Amino acid sequence: MLRVFIADDETPARERLRELLGDIQSEVPTRVVGEARNGLETIELLPDSGAEIILLDIEMPGMHGLEVARHIGRLSDGPAVIFVTAHDRHAVEAFELNALDYLLKPVRAARLAAALRRAQSVGPPSARTLETAADQLREADGRGRSHFSLAERNRILLVPVSEVVYLKAEQKYVTVRTREREHLIDESLVALEREFGDRFVRIHRNCIVARDAVRGFERAPPGDEEEAHWLVVLEGIAERLPVSRRQWAAVRALVAPG
């Protein structure tokens, strides 16, 4: 019996999926092991549910379904994902290009049964596949991530983008620094700059900082770093980061326009 999790912000939509799962029990036996009304609730409840498949609505408040999928894709034993969408052209294209399964609303019983059988045989999509689909959707309609994520003890730790002070490349990883602590994520700084260029500005070849966190500058100690004469002062942290000569004009303009 397949363990299924349902994530949709509309109660009638969740009820409809439950009814359809009941209608196809003889073809594909299932048991609903959890429900969620939005993206954040999904990420909180899903890991403990033991779900093998998630029926994931694409349009939910706060965090859309592809971002949710991108985050849960970090789980080592995450579920197979079947997206549910109301004829969103960009979403459907992203799914089809990456061989991800989806259901169009109103969902039909025969189509749901086929999707469940396929998910059972194919298994969970890779984290990279989900990231690629999410990036394609973002480029199509501008919906960027609201959170960074990392897996800890088969739980998903979310870090709001709005709380990040800087992102710094550290060999294979990127340090995500908030006012409270640091996290490591396995992503490219170049890709992050491209995705969040409206929120962060490059200060050095290995670091981008939150534009609204810049509070001023200090002179770099002599010989501190060959190419840096200034250090940026960021709100909420004592650490000072070097500003390269190449980036100095753009960063200074954030505090002293013109």
Protein backbone atom coordinates (compact mmCIF):
# COMPACT_ATOMS: atom_id res chain seq x y z
CA MET A 1 0.00 0.00 0.00
CA LEU A 2 1.56 3.27 -1.15
CA ARG A 3 1.93 5.95 1.51
CA VAL A 4 0.76 9.29 0.05
CA PHE A 5 1.13 12.85 1.35
CA ILE A 6 -1.20 15.60 0.01
CA ALA A 7 -0.12 19.24 -0.10
CA ASP A 8 -2.64 21.81 -1.34
CA ASP A 9 -3.79 25.11 0.15
CA GLU A 10 -7.45 24.49 -0.79
CA THR A 11 -9.47 22.15 1.44
CA PRO A 12 -11.83 21.05 -1.39
CA ALA A 13 -8.80 20.14 -3.52
CA ARG A 14 -7.35 17.95 -0.75
CA GLU A 15 -10.72 16.31 -0.23
CA ARG A 16 -11.04 15.68 -3.97
CA LEU A 17 -7.66 13.93 -4.06
CA ARG A 18 -8.63 11.80 -1.06
CA GLU A 19 -11.85 10.77 -2.82
CA LEU A 20 -10.01 9.89 -6.01
CA LEU A 21 -7.47 7.83 -4.08
CA GLY A 22 -10.41 5.94 -2.59
CA ASP A 23 -11.94 5.40 -6.03
CA ILE A 24 -8.77 3.75 -7.37
CA GLN A 25 -7.96 1.61 -4.33
CA SER A 26 -8.57 -1.60 -6.26
CA GLU A 27 -6.04 -0.53 -8.93
CA VAL A 28 -3.46 1.25 -6.79
CA PRO A 29 -3.84 0.67 -3.03
CA THR A 30 -2.82 3.78 -1.06
CA ARG A 31 -2.93 5.24 2.42
CA VAL A 32 -2.88 9.00 3.08
CA VAL A 33 -0.23 9.57 5.75
CA GLY A 34 -0.36 13.36 5.96
CA GLU A 35 -1.68 16.63 4.61
CA ALA A 36 -0.40 20.20 4.50
CA ARG A 37 -1.96 23.55 3.57
CA ASN A 38 1.15 25.41 2.42
CA GLY A 39 4.81 24.99 1.58
CA LEU A 40 6.26 25.59 5.02
CA GLU A 41 3.82 23.17 6.63
CA THR A 42 4.72 20.58 4.00
CA ILE A 43 8.42 20.82 4.80
CA GLU A 44 7.69 20.57 8.52
CA LEU A 45 5.35 17.57 8.38
CA LEU A 46 6.59 15.52 5.44
CA PRO A 47 9.84 14.00 6.85
CA ASP A 48 8.07 12.23 9.73
CA SER A 49 5.14 11.02 7.62
CA GLY A 50 6.98 8.17 5.92
CA ALA A 51 5.41 9.17 2.62
CA GLU A 52 6.58 7.42 -0.53
CA ILE A 53 4.73 9.83 -2.84
CA ILE A 54 3.68 13.44 -2.45
CA LEU A 55 0.86 15.06 -4.45
CA LEU A 56 2.16 18.61 -4.49
CA ASP A 57 0.15 21.63 -5.58
CA ILE A 58 2.21 24.13 -7.57
CA GLU A 59 0.35 27.27 -6.46
CA MET A 60 0.48 27.67 -2.69
CA PRO A 61 0.84 30.81 -0.59
CA GLY A 62 4.26 31.72 0.76
CA MET A 63 6.24 29.09 -1.12
CA HIS A 64 5.26 27.60 -4.46
CA GLY A 65 5.37 23.87 -5.10
CA LEU A 66 8.57 23.75 -7.14
CA GLU A 67 10.50 25.46 -4.37
CA VAL A 68 9.04 22.98 -1.88
CA ALA A 69 10.14 20.12 -4.15
CA ARG A 70 13.61 21.58 -4.46
CA HIS A 71 13.96 21.62 -0.68
CA ILE A 72 12.55 18.14 0.00
CA GLY A 73 14.78 16.81 -2.76
CA ARG A 74 17.65 17.15 -0.27
CA LEU A 75 16.23 14.35 1.88
CA SER A 76 18.13 11.11 1.53
CA ASP A 77 14.91 9.07 1.48
CA GLY A 78 12.50 11.69 0.15
CA PRO A 79 9.28 10.79 -1.68
CA ALA A 80 8.52 10.63 -5.37
CA VAL A 81 6.86 13.86 -6.47
CA ILE A 82 3.70 14.30 -8.53
CA PHE A 83 2.90 17.95 -9.14
CA VAL A 84 -0.67 19.19 -9.33
CA THR A 85 -1.30 22.34 -11.35
CA ALA A 86 -4.16 24.35 -12.83
CA HIS A 87 -2.89 24.70 -16.41
CA ASP A 88 0.16 26.77 -15.57
CA ARG A 89 2.00 26.77 -18.92
CA HIS A 90 5.42 27.57 -17.46
CA ALA A 91 5.11 24.89 -14.80
CA VAL A 92 3.98 22.24 -17.29
CA GLU A 93 6.91 23.05 -19.57
CA ALA A 94 9.33 22.76 -16.65
CA PHE A 95 7.88 19.36 -15.72
CA GLU A 96 7.91 17.99 -19.24
CA LEU A 97 11.45 19.14 -19.98
CA ASN A 98 12.72 17.36 -16.87
CA ALA A 99 10.53 14.24 -17.15
CA LEU A 100 8.66 15.11 -13.96
CA ASP A 101 5.08 13.90 -13.61
CA TYR A 102 2.17 16.27 -13.12
CA LEU A 103 -1.61 16.28 -12.91
CA LEU A 104 -3.77 19.01 -14.38
CA LYS A 105 -6.74 20.20 -12.32
CA PRO A 106 -9.45 19.00 -12.27
CA VAL A 107 -7.67 15.73 -11.60
CA ARG A 108 -9.13 12.59 -13.17
CA ALA A 109 -9.04 9.19 -11.48
CA ALA A 110 -7.46 7.34 -14.42
CA ARG A 111 -4.70 9.94 -14.75
CA LEU A 112 -4.01 9.84 -11.00
CA ALA A 113 -3.73 6.05 -11.07
CA ALA A 114 -1.29 6.21 -13.98
CA ALA A 115 0.82 8.84 -12.23
CA LEU A 116 0.96 6.79 -9.02
CA ARG A 117 2.04 3.67 -10.89
CA ARG A 118 4.73 5.62 -12.73
CA ALA A 119 6.00 7.25 -9.52
CA GLN A 120 6.12 3.84 -7.85
CA SER A 121 8.24 2.38 -10.64
CA VAL A 122 10.49 5.38 -11.32
CA GLY A 123 11.04 6.56 -7.74
CA PRO A 124 12.02 10.02 -6.46
CA PRO A 125 13.54 12.51 -8.91
CA SER A 126 17.09 13.63 -8.23
CA ALA A 127 17.75 16.86 -6.34
CA ARG A 128 19.48 18.20 -9.46
CA THR A 129 16.41 17.51 -11.61
CA LEU A 130 14.18 19.38 -9.18
CA GLU A 131 16.61 22.30 -8.99
CA THR A 132 16.75 22.55 -12.78
CA ALA A 133 12.96 22.56 -13.09
CA ALA A 134 12.67 25.21 -10.35
CA ASP A 135 15.28 27.37 -12.09
CA GLN A 136 13.42 27.11 -15.39
CA LEU A 137 10.18 28.20 -13.74
CA ARG A 138 11.95 31.09 -12.03
CA GLU A 139 13.42 32.29 -15.30
CA ALA A 140 10.02 32.02 -16.99
CA ASP A 141 7.97 34.00 -14.52
CA GLY A 142 10.37 35.47 -11.96
CA ARG A 143 9.41 33.39 -8.93
CA GLY A 144 12.64 33.03 -7.00
CA ARG A 145 13.29 31.08 -3.83
CA SER A 146 12.26 32.50 -0.49
CA HIS A 147 14.54 30.12 1.46
CA PHE A 148 17.82 28.26 1.29
CA SER A 149 17.73 24.72 2.62
CA LEU A 150 19.95 21.93 3.90
CA ALA A 151 19.25 18.48 5.27
CA GLU A 152 20.11 17.73 8.90
CA ARG A 153 19.33 14.29 10.37
CA ASN A 154 16.72 13.72 7.66
CA ARG A 155 15.05 17.01 8.50
CA ILE A 156 14.97 20.06 6.27
CA LEU A 157 16.44 23.21 7.76
CA LEU A 158 15.15 26.34 6.04
CA VAL A 159 17.06 29.62 6.07
CA PRO A 160 15.00 32.64 4.90
CA VAL A 161 16.79 34.54 2.15
CA SER A 162 15.67 37.77 3.85
CA GLU A 163 17.79 36.90 6.93
CA VAL A 164 21.03 36.23 5.06
CA VAL A 165 23.77 38.86 5.49
CA TYR A 166 26.28 37.41 3.06
CA LEU A 167 27.11 34.40 0.87
CA LYS A 168 30.77 33.43 0.65
CA ALA A 169 32.42 30.75 -1.50
CA GLU A 170 34.46 28.28 0.56
CA GLN A 171 36.10 25.67 -1.71
CA LYS A 172 33.26 23.35 -2.82
CA TYR A 173 30.60 25.03 -0.68
CA VAL A 174 29.04 28.40 0.01
CA THR A 175 28.75 29.80 3.54
CA VAL A 176 25.32 31.26 4.24
CA ARG A 177 25.75 33.80 7.05
CA THR A 178 22.83 35.14 9.06
CA ARG A 179 23.13 37.33 12.14
CA GLU A 180 22.84 34.24 14.33
CA ARG A 181 24.94 31.55 12.68
CA GLU A 182 26.56 30.05 9.57
CA HIS A 183 25.39 27.26 7.29
CA LEU A 184 27.07 25.47 4.37
CA ILE A 185 25.21 24.79 1.12
CA ASP A 186 26.39 22.94 -1.95
CA GLU A 187 25.65 25.58 -4.58
CA SER A 188 27.55 27.86 -6.94
CA LEU A 189 28.14 31.47 -5.88
CA VAL A 190 27.85 32.55 -9.52
CA ALA A 191 24.43 30.90 -9.81
CA LEU A 192 23.32 32.43 -6.51
CA GLU A 193 24.39 35.88 -7.65
CA ARG A 194 22.40 35.40 -10.84
CA GLU A 195 19.32 34.27 -8.93
CA PHE A 196 19.44 36.89 -6.17
CA GLY A 197 21.15 39.82 -7.90
CA ASP A 198 18.43 42.21 -6.83
CA ARG A 199 19.10 41.43 -3.15
CA PHE A 200 22.88 40.87 -3.04
CA VAL A 201 25.87 42.76 -4.45
CA ARG A 202 29.31 41.34 -5.16
CA ILE A 203 32.10 42.79 -3.00
CA HIS A 204 34.83 40.32 -3.89
CA ARG A 205 35.39 37.40 -6.25
CA ASN A 206 34.33 35.01 -3.48
CA CYS A 207 31.61 36.96 -1.67
CA ILE A 208 28.26 38.71 -2.19
CA VAL A 209 26.51 40.67 0.57
CA ALA A 210 22.92 41.73 1.22
CA ARG A 211 22.44 45.24 -0.14
CA ASP A 212 20.24 46.33 2.77
CA ALA A 213 22.78 45.04 5.33
CA VAL A 214 25.59 47.41 4.26
CA ARG A 215 26.10 50.09 6.92
CA GLY A 216 29.48 51.57 6.07
CA PHE A 217 33.18 50.94 5.51
CA GLU A 218 36.45 50.78 7.41
CA ARG A 219 39.99 51.13 6.17
CA ALA A 220 41.70 47.77 5.72
CA PRO A 221 44.85 47.30 7.83
CA PRO A 222 48.08 47.70 5.85
CA GLY A 223 48.99 44.46 4.14
CA ASP A 224 45.70 42.86 5.16
CA GLU A 225 44.90 41.94 1.57
CA GLU A 226 46.71 43.06 -1.55
CA GLU A 227 43.70 44.17 -3.56
CA ALA A 228 41.46 45.46 -0.74
CA HIS A 229 41.73 48.94 0.77
CA TRP A 230 38.29 48.91 2.40
CA LEU A 231 36.29 46.55 4.57
CA VAL A 232 32.49 46.53 4.51
CA VAL A 233 30.56 46.96 7.76
CA LEU A 234 27.44 44.80 7.84
CA GLU A 235 24.50 45.18 10.18
CA GLY A 236 24.31 42.66 12.98
CA ILE A 237 27.73 40.99 12.68
CA ALA A 238 31.18 41.99 13.92
CA GLU A 239 33.01 40.42 11.00
CA ARG A 240 34.44 42.79 8.39
CA LEU A 241 34.76 41.62 4.79
CA PRO A 242 37.22 42.96 2.21
CA VAL A 243 35.95 44.91 -0.79
CA SER A 244 38.05 44.42 -3.91
CA ARG A 245 39.16 47.43 -5.92
CA ARG A 246 37.11 46.23 -8.86
CA GLN A 247 33.89 46.18 -6.82
CA TRP A 248 34.54 49.27 -4.70
CA ALA A 249 32.56 51.81 -6.74
CA ALA A 250 29.42 49.66 -6.92
CA VAL A 251 29.48 48.80 -3.22
CA ARG A 252 30.22 52.36 -2.07
CA ALA A 253 27.21 53.60 -4.06
CA LEU A 254 24.91 51.60 -1.79
CA VAL A 255 25.82 53.86 1.12
CA ALA A 256 26.69 57.08 -0.72
CA PRO A 257 24.69 57.27 -3.99
CA GLY A 258 26.33 59.44 -6.65
